[in-house]
C-alpha atoms as a PDB file:
ATOM      1  CA  UNK A   1       0.000   0.000   0.000  1.00  0.00           C
ATOM      2  CA  UNK A   2       1.117   3.529  -0.671  1.00  0.00           C
ATOM      3  CA  UNK A   3       0.479   4.630   2.940  1.00  0.00           C
ATOM      4  CA  UNK A   4       3.000   2.077   4.241  1.00  0.00           C
ATOM      5  CA  UNK A   5       5.707   3.045   1.757  1.00  0.00           C
ATOM      6  CA  UNK A   6       8.445   5.103   3.477  1.00  0.00           C
ATOM      7  CA  UNK A   7       9.357   6.606   0.076  1.00  0.00           C
ATOM      8  CA  UNK A   8       6.016   7.308  -1.619  1.00  0.00           C
ATOM      9  CA  UNK A   9       6.024   8.398  -5.251  1.00  0.00           C
ATOM     10  CA  UNK A  10       5.830  12.086  -6.010  1.00  0.00           C
ATOM     11  CA  UNK A  11       2.780  11.410  -8.165  1.00  0.00           C
ATOM     12  CA  UNK A  12       0.011   9.485  -6.460  1.00  0.00           C
ATOM     13  CA  UNK A  13      -3.056   7.883  -8.055  1.00  0.00           C
ATOM     14  CA  UNK A  14      -5.111  10.859  -6.787  1.00  0.00           C
ATOM     15  CA  UNK A  15      -2.968  13.592  -8.357  1.00  0.00           C
ATOM     16  CA  UNK A  16      -4.112  15.396 -11.518  1.00  0.00           C
ATOM     17  CA  UNK A  17      -0.775  14.574 -13.158  1.00  0.00           C
ATOM     18  CA  UNK A  18      -1.326  10.857 -12.585  1.00  0.00           C
ATOM     19  CA  UNK A  19      -4.839  11.038 -13.999  1.00  0.00           C
ATOM     20  CA  UNK A  20      -3.592  12.816 -17.127  1.00  0.00           C
ATOM     21  CA  UNK A  21      -0.766  10.316 -17.522  1.00  0.00           C
ATOM     22  CA  UNK A  22      -3.209   7.418 -17.215  1.00  0.00           C
ATOM     23  CA  UNK A  23      -5.498   8.884 -19.885  1.00  0.00           C
ATOM     24  CA  UNK A  24      -2.518   9.526 -22.125  1.00  0.00           C
ATOM     25  CA  UNK A  25      -1.304   5.937 -21.722  1.00  0.00           C
ATOM     26  CA  UNK A  26      -4.653   4.591 -22.881  1.00  0.00           C
ATOM     27  CA  UNK A  27      -5.145   7.135 -25.692  1.00  0.00           C
ATOM     28  CA  UNK A  28      -1.820   8.653 -26.729  1.00  0.00           C
ATOM     29  CA  UNK A  29      -1.924  11.897 -28.670  1.00  0.00           C
ATOM     30  CA  UNK A  30       0.695  13.468 -30.816  1.00  0.00           C
ATOM     31  CA  UNK A  31       2.651  16.124 -28.998  1.00  0.00           C
ATOM     32  CA  UNK A  32       2.753  19.639 -30.350  1.00  0.00           C
ATOM     33  CA  UNK A  33       5.468  22.190 -29.835  1.00  0.00           C
ATOM     34  CA  UNK A  34       6.118  22.332 -26.056  1.00  0.00           C
ATOM     35  CA  UNK A  35       6.880  26.059 -26.304  1.00  0.00           C
ATOM     36  CA  UNK A  36       3.447  26.740 -27.808  1.00  0.00           C
ATOM     37  CA  UNK A  37       1.783  24.575 -25.168  1.00  0.00           C
ATOM     38  CA  UNK A  38       3.578  26.555 -22.432  1.00  0.00           C
ATOM     39  CA  UNK A  39       2.509  29.873 -23.957  1.00  0.00           C
ATOM     40  CA  UNK A  40      -1.129  28.831 -24.120  1.00  0.00           C
ATOM     41  CA  UNK A  41      -0.957  27.325 -20.609  1.00  0.00           C
ATOM     42  CA  UNK A  42       0.250  30.698 -19.293  1.00  0.00           C
ATOM     43  CA  UNK A  43      -2.770  32.368 -20.917  1.00  0.00           C
ATOM     44  CA  UNK A  44      -4.962  29.709 -19.339  1.00  0.00           C
ATOM     45  CA  UNK A  45      -3.567  30.630 -15.920  1.00  0.00           C
ATOM     46  CA  UNK A  46      -4.000  34.342 -16.656  1.00  0.00           C
ATOM     47  CA  UNK A  47      -7.662  33.782 -17.537  1.00  0.00           C
ATOM     48  CA  UNK A  48      -8.129  31.854 -14.286  1.00  0.00           C
ATOM     49  CA  UNK A  49      -6.613  34.830 -12.427  1.00  0.00           C
ATOM     50  CA  UNK A  50      -8.886  37.261 -14.304  1.00  0.00           C
ATOM     51  CA  UNK A  51     -11.942  35.198 -13.416  1.00  0.00           C
ATOM     52  CA  UNK A  52     -10.955  35.271  -9.750  1.00  0.00           C
ATOM     53  CA  UNK A  53     -10.377  39.020  -9.819  1.00  0.00           C
ATOM     54  CA  UNK A  54     -13.791  39.669 -11.376  1.00  0.00           C
ATOM     55  CA  UNK A  55     -15.502  37.384  -8.858  1.00  0.00           C
ATOM     56  CA  UNK A  56     -13.723  39.179  -5.991  1.00  0.00           C
ATOM     57  CA  UNK A  57     -14.679  42.599  -7.331  1.00  0.00           C
ATOM     58  CA  UNK A  58     -18.301  41.432  -7.486  1.00  0.00           C
ATOM     59  CA  UNK A  59     -18.131  40.767  -3.748  1.00  0.00           C
ATOM     60  CA  UNK A  60     -16.645  44.215  -3.006  1.00  0.00           C
ATOM     61  CA  UNK A  61     -18.995  46.496  -4.926  1.00  0.00           C
ATOM     62  CA  UNK A  62     -22.384  47.523  -3.586  1.00  0.00           C
ATOM     63  CA  UNK A  63     -23.936  48.289  -6.987  1.00  0.00           C
ATOM     64  CA  UNK A  64     -25.824  45.051  -7.674  1.00  0.00           C
ATOM     65  CA  UNK A  65     -25.985  45.616 -11.431  1.00  0.00           C
ATOM     66  CA  UNK A  66     -22.216  46.079 -11.569  1.00  0.00           C
ATOM     67  CA  UNK A  67     -21.692  43.032  -9.330  1.00  0.00           C
ATOM     68  CA  UNK A  68     -23.840  40.965 -11.688  1.00  0.00           C
ATOM     69  CA  UNK A  69     -21.795  42.231 -14.625  1.00  0.00           C
ATOM     70  CA  UNK A  70     -18.597  41.182 -12.823  1.00  0.00           C
ATOM     71  CA  UNK A  71     -19.948  37.703 -12.112  1.00  0.00           C
ATOM     72  CA  UNK A  72     -20.818  37.387 -15.799  1.00  0.00           C
ATOM     73  CA  UNK A  73     -17.340  38.625 -16.718  1.00  0.00           C
ATOM     74  CA  UNK A  74     -15.848  35.992 -14.404  1.00  0.00           C
ATOM     75  CA  UNK A  75     -17.807  33.394 -16.377  1.00  0.00           C
ATOM     76  CA  UNK A  76     -16.498  34.845 -19.641  1.00  0.00           C
ATOM     77  CA  UNK A  77     -12.938  34.453 -18.405  1.00  0.00           C
ATOM     78  CA  UNK A  78     -13.691  30.867 -17.365  1.00  0.00           C
ATOM     79  CA  UNK A  79     -15.057  30.172 -20.859  1.00  0.00           C
ATOM     80  CA  UNK A  80     -11.860  31.588 -22.392  1.00  0.00           C
ATOM     81  CA  UNK A  81      -9.823  29.424 -20.037  1.00  0.00           C
ATOM     82  CA  UNK A  82     -11.761  26.377 -21.218  1.00  0.00           C
ATOM     83  CA  UNK A  83     -11.208  27.300 -24.876  1.00  0.00           C
ATOM     84  CA  UNK A  84      -7.473  27.658 -24.204  1.00  0.00           C
ATOM     85  CA  UNK A  85      -7.479  24.303 -22.400  1.00  0.00           C
ATOM     86  CA  UNK A  86      -9.006  22.709 -25.498  1.00  0.00           C
ATOM     87  CA  UNK A  87      -6.258  24.235 -27.655  1.00  0.00           C
ATOM     88  CA  UNK A  88      -3.672  22.726 -25.319  1.00  0.00           C
ATOM     89  CA  UNK A  89      -5.337  19.316 -25.423  1.00  0.00           C
ATOM     90  CA  UNK A  90      -5.471  19.461 -29.231  1.00  0.00           C
ATOM     91  CA  UNK A  91      -1.700  19.927 -29.159  1.00  0.00           C
ATOM     92  CA  UNK A  92      -1.280  16.858 -26.960  1.00  0.00           C
ATOM     93  CA  UNK A  93      -0.722  18.768 -23.734  1.00  0.00           C
ATOM     94  CA  UNK A  94      -2.626  19.065 -20.498  1.00  0.00           C
ATOM     95  CA  UNK A  95      -3.966  22.402 -19.341  1.00  0.00           C
ATOM     96  CA  UNK A  96      -3.147  23.476 -15.807  1.00  0.00           C
ATOM     97  CA  UNK A  97      -5.918  22.874 -13.310  1.00  0.00           C
ATOM     98  CA  UNK A  98      -7.112  25.625 -10.975  1.00  0.00           C
ATOM     99  CA  UNK A  99      -5.009  24.077  -8.205  1.00  0.00           C
ATOM    100  CA  UNK A 100      -1.900  24.032 -10.396  1.00  0.00           C
ATOM    101  CA  UNK A 101      -2.316  27.586 -11.695  1.00  0.00           C
ATOM    102  CA  UNK A 102       0.170  30.325 -10.868  1.00  0.00           C
ATOM    103  CA  UNK A 103      -0.478  33.992 -10.258  1.00  0.00           C
ATOM    104  CA  UNK A 104       0.154  35.601 -13.633  1.00  0.00           C
ATOM    105  CA  UNK A 105      -1.771  38.856 -13.173  1.00  0.00           C
ATOM    106  CA  UNK A 106       0.319  39.782 -10.139  1.00  0.00           C
ATOM    107  CA  UNK A 107      -0.325  43.535 -10.129  1.00  0.00           C
ATOM    108  CA  UNK A 108      -4.096  43.113 -10.240  1.00  0.00           C
ATOM    109  CA  UNK A 109      -4.072  40.416  -7.566  1.00  0.00           C
ATOM    110  CA  UNK A 110      -1.854  42.552  -5.319  1.00  0.00           C
ATOM    111  CA  UNK A 111      -4.068  45.622  -5.865  1.00  0.00           C
ATOM    112  CA  UNK A 112      -7.165  43.554  -5.108  1.00  0.00           C
ATOM    113  CA  UNK A 113      -5.853  42.683  -1.642  1.00  0.00           C
ATOM    114  CA  UNK A 114      -5.980  46.340  -0.601  1.00  0.00           C
ATOM    115  CA  UNK A 115      -9.108  47.347  -2.548  1.00  0.00           C
ATOM    116  CA  UNK A 116     -11.830  48.245  -0.103  1.00  0.00           C
ATOM    117  CA  UNK A 117     -13.894  50.745  -2.080  1.00  0.00           C
ATOM    118  CA  UNK A 118     -15.760  50.555  -5.363  1.00  0.00           C
ATOM    119  CA  UNK A 119     -13.377  53.075  -6.890  1.00  0.00           C
ATOM    120  CA  UNK A 120     -10.390  50.942  -5.895  1.00  0.00           C
ATOM    121  CA  UNK A 121     -12.123  47.817  -7.216  1.00  0.00           C
ATOM    122  CA  UNK A 122     -12.693  49.495 -10.576  1.00  0.00           C
ATOM    123  CA  UNK A 123      -9.012  50.479 -10.666  1.00  0.00           C
ATOM    124  CA  UNK A 124      -8.130  46.817 -10.058  1.00  0.00           C
ATOM    125  CA  UNK A 125     -10.181  45.944 -13.144  1.00  0.00           C
ATOM    126  CA  UNK A 126      -8.218  48.427 -15.259  1.00  0.00           C
ATOM    127  CA  UNK A 127      -4.934  46.972 -14.024  1.00  0.00           C
ATOM    128  CA  UNK A 128      -6.169  43.425 -14.646  1.00  0.00           C
ATOM    129  CA  UNK A 129      -7.339  44.239 -18.144  1.00  0.00           C
ATOM    130  CA  UNK A 130      -3.993  45.809 -19.021  1.00  0.00           C
ATOM    131  CA  UNK A 131      -2.055  42.857 -17.673  1.00  0.00           C
ATOM    132  CA  UNK A 132      -4.277  40.344 -19.432  1.00  0.00           C
ATOM    133  CA  UNK A 133      -4.033  42.215 -22.726  1.00  0.00           C
ATOM    134  CA  UNK A 134      -0.220  42.305 -22.370  1.00  0.00           C
ATOM    135  CA  UNK A 135      -0.164  38.535 -21.834  1.00  0.00           C
ATOM    136  CA  UNK A 136      -2.199  37.980 -24.998  1.00  0.00           C
ATOM    137  CA  UNK A 137      -0.112  40.470 -26.997  1.00  0.00           C
ATOM    138  CA  UNK A 138       3.116  38.730 -25.957  1.00  0.00           C
ATOM    139  CA  UNK A 139       1.685  35.304 -26.798  1.00  0.00           C
ATOM    140  CA  UNK A 140       0.355  36.410 -30.182  1.00  0.00           C
ATOM    141  CA  UNK A 141       3.726  37.946 -31.065  1.00  0.00           C
ATOM    142  CA  UNK A 142       5.566  34.667 -30.412  1.00  0.00           C
ATOM    143  CA  UNK A 143       7.060  33.349 -33.662  1.00  0.00           C
ATOM    144  CA  UNK A 144       6.503  29.704 -32.601  1.00  0.00           C
ATOM    145  CA  UNK A 145       2.752  29.976 -33.213  1.00  0.00           C
ATOM    146  CA  UNK A 146       1.221  28.827 -36.456  1.00  0.00           C
ATOM    147  CA  UNK A 147      -1.063  31.233 -38.290  1.00  0.00           C
ATOM    148  CA  UNK A 148      -4.063  29.197 -37.133  1.00  0.00           C
ATOM    149  CA  UNK A 149      -2.952  29.282 -33.494  1.00  0.00           C
ATOM    150  CA  UNK A 150      -2.272  33.023 -33.723  1.00  0.00           C
ATOM    151  CA  UNK A 151      -5.751  33.575 -35.172  1.00  0.00           C
ATOM    152  CA  UNK A 152      -7.319  31.518 -32.367  1.00  0.00           C
ATOM    153  CA  UNK A 153      -5.534  33.531 -29.690  1.00  0.00           C
ATOM    154  CA  UNK A 154      -6.396  36.809 -31.413  1.00  0.00           C
ATOM    155  CA  UNK A 155     -10.056  35.798 -31.417  1.00  0.00           C
ATOM    156  CA  UNK A 156      -9.965  34.907 -27.708  1.00  0.00           C
ATOM    157  CA  UNK A 157      -8.005  38.005 -26.643  1.00  0.00           C
ATOM    158  CA  UNK A 158      -9.896  40.729 -24.841  1.00  0.00           C
ATOM    159  CA  UNK A 159     -10.593  43.673 -27.096  1.00  0.00           C
ATOM    160  CA  UNK A 160      -8.561  46.844 -26.869  1.00  0.00           C
ATOM    161  CA  UNK A 161     -11.647  48.908 -26.076  1.00  0.00           C
ATOM    162  CA  UNK A 162     -12.589  50.593 -22.795  1.00  0.00           C
ATOM    163  CA  UNK A 163     -12.336  48.795 -19.501  1.00  0.00           C
ATOM    164  CA  UNK A 164     -15.233  46.930 -17.858  1.00  0.00           C
END
């Protein structure tokens, strides 16, 4: 049994990595460019961060209509994350789970910790949007992407218009 093993494996049958490896063993996929997979995975993490920021802002603001808009925006970011995860899977990779995700939108997350007013919350959204757009711009500019991948990321990227 694993519990009795004094040197347990780093990956256990319950870990997401083990589950992905098991699926891959049964149904192997061709592996795409690891650099492209890493770029898209970073965007996936950024979208997860953006969703969390929007959900947190919804809890801070007192304007119920704006809070509802932020909850919807959080869902939009989750949908983008899912679309990016599908791109990763199509390349033979595995998208990071919410538990595995890193903080990519660091400035927005840091600003959110001290945001106590609606005005501060709206400033957090501007910071988040700028950071997220920068992540997409950097990814789209990467020469490793195919034209099709670049078009997919361009379509998913937040528009350059006014903030939330």
